[in-house]
Amino acid sequence: MAQVTVNQDESIEAALRRFKRRVSKAGIFSDLKRTRHYETPAEKRKRKASSRRRR
């Protein structure tokens, strides 16, 4: 779980930027999008093959 503590002299916007950066590095949004709907085995194979090609 991504967690950010706000320092005394720090603005909320800066803390929010740091939080968004941590969430994107942790891959939480991509995992959420992937698990939101059922993915058939054929779709899983297709997604994994395309990610292998990108690497």
N, C-alpha and C. Protein backbone atom coordinates (compact mmCIF):
# COMPACT_ATOMS: atom_id res chain seq x y z
N MET A 1 0.84 -1.17 0.00
CA MET A 1 0.00 0.00 0.00
C MET A 1 0.90 1.24 0.00
N ALA A 2 0.59 2.18 -0.86
CA ALA A 2 1.36 3.41 -0.96
C ALA A 2 0.93 4.37 0.14
N GLN A 3 1.92 4.94 0.81
CA GLN A 3 1.61 5.85 1.91
C GLN A 3 2.57 7.04 1.84
N VAL A 4 2.04 8.23 2.10
CA VAL A 4 2.84 9.45 2.08
C VAL A 4 2.49 10.27 3.31
N THR A 5 3.50 10.71 4.03
CA THR A 5 3.26 11.60 5.17
C THR A 5 3.54 13.03 4.72
N VAL A 6 2.66 13.94 5.09
CA VAL A 6 2.78 15.34 4.70
C VAL A 6 3.63 16.06 5.75
N ASN A 7 4.72 16.66 5.31
CA ASN A 7 5.58 17.43 6.21
C ASN A 7 4.93 18.77 6.54
N GLN A 8 5.41 19.44 7.57
CA GLN A 8 4.79 20.69 8.01
C GLN A 8 4.86 21.78 6.95
N ASP A 9 6.01 21.96 6.33
CA ASP A 9 6.17 23.04 5.36
C ASP A 9 5.83 22.62 3.93
N GLU A 10 5.22 21.48 3.76
CA GLU A 10 4.91 20.96 2.43
C GLU A 10 3.46 21.22 2.07
N SER A 11 3.23 21.59 0.83
CA SER A 11 1.85 21.82 0.40
C SER A 11 1.17 20.49 0.09
N ILE A 12 -0.15 20.53 0.08
CA ILE A 12 -0.93 19.34 -0.21
C ILE A 12 -0.68 18.88 -1.65
N GLU A 13 -0.50 19.83 -2.56
CA GLU A 13 -0.28 19.49 -3.97
C GLU A 13 1.02 18.71 -4.14
N ALA A 14 2.06 19.12 -3.43
CA ALA A 14 3.34 18.41 -3.52
C ALA A 14 3.22 17.00 -2.95
N ALA A 15 2.49 16.87 -1.86
CA ALA A 15 2.29 15.54 -1.27
C ALA A 15 1.46 14.66 -2.19
N LEU A 16 0.48 15.25 -2.85
CA LEU A 16 -0.35 14.50 -3.78
C LEU A 16 0.47 14.02 -4.98
N ARG A 17 1.38 14.89 -5.47
CA ARG A 17 2.27 14.48 -6.57
C ARG A 17 3.15 13.31 -6.16
N ARG A 18 3.70 13.38 -4.92
CA ARG A 18 4.54 12.28 -4.43
C ARG A 18 3.73 10.99 -4.31
N PHE A 19 2.47 11.12 -3.83
CA PHE A 19 1.60 9.95 -3.69
C PHE A 19 1.31 9.33 -5.05
N LYS A 20 0.98 10.15 -6.04
CA LYS A 20 0.68 9.64 -7.38
C LYS A 20 1.88 8.93 -7.98
N ARG A 21 3.07 9.49 -7.75
CA ARG A 21 4.30 8.88 -8.25
C ARG A 21 4.53 7.50 -7.62
N ARG A 22 4.31 7.40 -6.32
CA ARG A 22 4.49 6.12 -5.63
C ARG A 22 3.47 5.09 -6.10
N VAL A 23 2.24 5.53 -6.31
CA VAL A 23 1.19 4.61 -6.77
C VAL A 23 1.52 4.10 -8.17
N SER A 24 2.00 4.98 -9.04
CA SER A 24 2.31 4.54 -10.40
C SER A 24 3.52 3.62 -10.41
N LYS A 25 4.52 3.87 -9.55
CA LYS A 25 5.69 2.99 -9.48
C LYS A 25 5.31 1.62 -8.93
N ALA A 26 4.38 1.58 -7.99
CA ALA A 26 3.96 0.32 -7.40
C ALA A 26 3.07 -0.48 -8.36
N GLY A 27 2.53 0.16 -9.39
CA GLY A 27 1.70 -0.54 -10.37
C GLY A 27 0.30 -0.83 -9.88
N ILE A 28 -0.20 -0.02 -8.99
CA ILE A 28 -1.52 -0.26 -8.40
C ILE A 28 -2.63 -0.02 -9.42
N PHE A 29 -2.52 1.08 -10.21
CA PHE A 29 -3.57 1.38 -11.18
C PHE A 29 -3.64 0.34 -12.28
N SER A 30 -2.50 -0.10 -12.78
CA SER A 30 -2.52 -1.11 -13.84
C SER A 30 -3.10 -2.42 -13.32
N ASP A 31 -2.78 -2.77 -12.08
CA ASP A 31 -3.34 -3.98 -11.48
C ASP A 31 -4.84 -3.84 -11.30
N LEU A 32 -5.28 -2.67 -10.88
CA LEU A 32 -6.72 -2.44 -10.68
C LEU A 32 -7.47 -2.54 -12.00
N LYS A 33 -6.92 -1.94 -13.05
CA LYS A 33 -7.58 -2.00 -14.36
C LYS A 33 -7.64 -3.44 -14.87
N ARG A 34 -6.57 -4.19 -14.63
CA ARG A 34 -6.50 -5.56 -15.13
C ARG A 34 -7.48 -6.47 -14.40
N THR A 35 -7.66 -6.27 -13.09
CA THR A 35 -8.52 -7.17 -12.31
C THR A 35 -9.95 -6.67 -12.18
N ARG A 36 -10.26 -5.54 -12.81
CA ARG A 36 -11.61 -5.00 -12.68
C ARG A 36 -12.65 -5.91 -13.35
N HIS A 37 -12.32 -6.47 -14.51
CA HIS A 37 -13.23 -7.35 -15.23
C HIS A 37 -12.56 -8.70 -15.43
N TYR A 38 -13.39 -9.74 -15.65
CA TYR A 38 -12.86 -11.07 -15.88
C TYR A 38 -12.08 -11.10 -17.19
N GLU A 39 -10.93 -11.74 -17.15
CA GLU A 39 -10.10 -11.85 -18.34
C GLU A 39 -10.04 -13.32 -18.74
N THR A 40 -10.43 -13.61 -19.94
CA THR A 40 -10.42 -15.00 -20.40
C THR A 40 -8.98 -15.47 -20.57
N PRO A 41 -8.74 -16.78 -20.55
CA PRO A 41 -7.38 -17.28 -20.72
C PRO A 41 -6.76 -16.84 -22.05
N ALA A 42 -7.56 -16.72 -23.10
CA ALA A 42 -7.03 -16.28 -24.39
C ALA A 42 -6.57 -14.82 -24.30
N GLU A 43 -7.33 -13.99 -23.60
CA GLU A 43 -6.93 -12.58 -23.43
C GLU A 43 -5.66 -12.47 -22.60
N LYS A 44 -5.52 -13.35 -21.58
CA LYS A 44 -4.31 -13.34 -20.76
C LYS A 44 -3.08 -13.67 -21.60
N ARG A 45 -3.20 -14.72 -22.42
CA ARG A 45 -2.07 -15.11 -23.29
C ARG A 45 -1.71 -13.99 -24.23
N LYS A 46 -2.73 -13.34 -24.80
CA LYS A 46 -2.49 -12.24 -25.74
C LYS A 46 -1.78 -11.07 -25.05
N ARG A 47 -2.22 -10.71 -23.84
CA ARG A 47 -1.61 -9.61 -23.10
C ARG A 47 -0.17 -9.94 -22.73
N LYS A 48 0.07 -11.17 -22.27
CA LYS A 48 1.43 -11.54 -21.88
C LYS A 48 2.36 -11.59 -23.09
N ALA A 49 1.85 -12.05 -24.23
CA ALA A 49 2.67 -12.11 -25.44
C ALA A 49 3.03 -10.70 -25.90
N SER A 50 2.09 -9.78 -25.82
CA SER A 50 2.39 -8.41 -26.25
C SER A 50 3.37 -7.75 -25.30
N SER A 51 3.29 -8.04 -24.01
CA SER A 51 4.27 -7.45 -23.07
C SER A 51 5.65 -8.05 -23.30
N ARG A 52 5.72 -9.33 -23.65
CA ARG A 52 7.01 -9.94 -23.96
C ARG A 52 7.63 -9.32 -25.20
N ARG A 53 6.79 -9.01 -26.19
CA ARG A 53 7.28 -8.40 -27.42
C ARG A 53 7.82 -7.00 -27.15
N ARG A 54 7.17 -6.28 -26.24
CA ARG A 54 7.61 -4.91 -25.92
C ARG A 54 8.97 -4.92 -25.24
N ARG A 55 9.24 -5.93 -24.43
CA ARG A 55 10.52 -6.01 -23.74
C ARG A 55 11.59 -6.37 -24.73
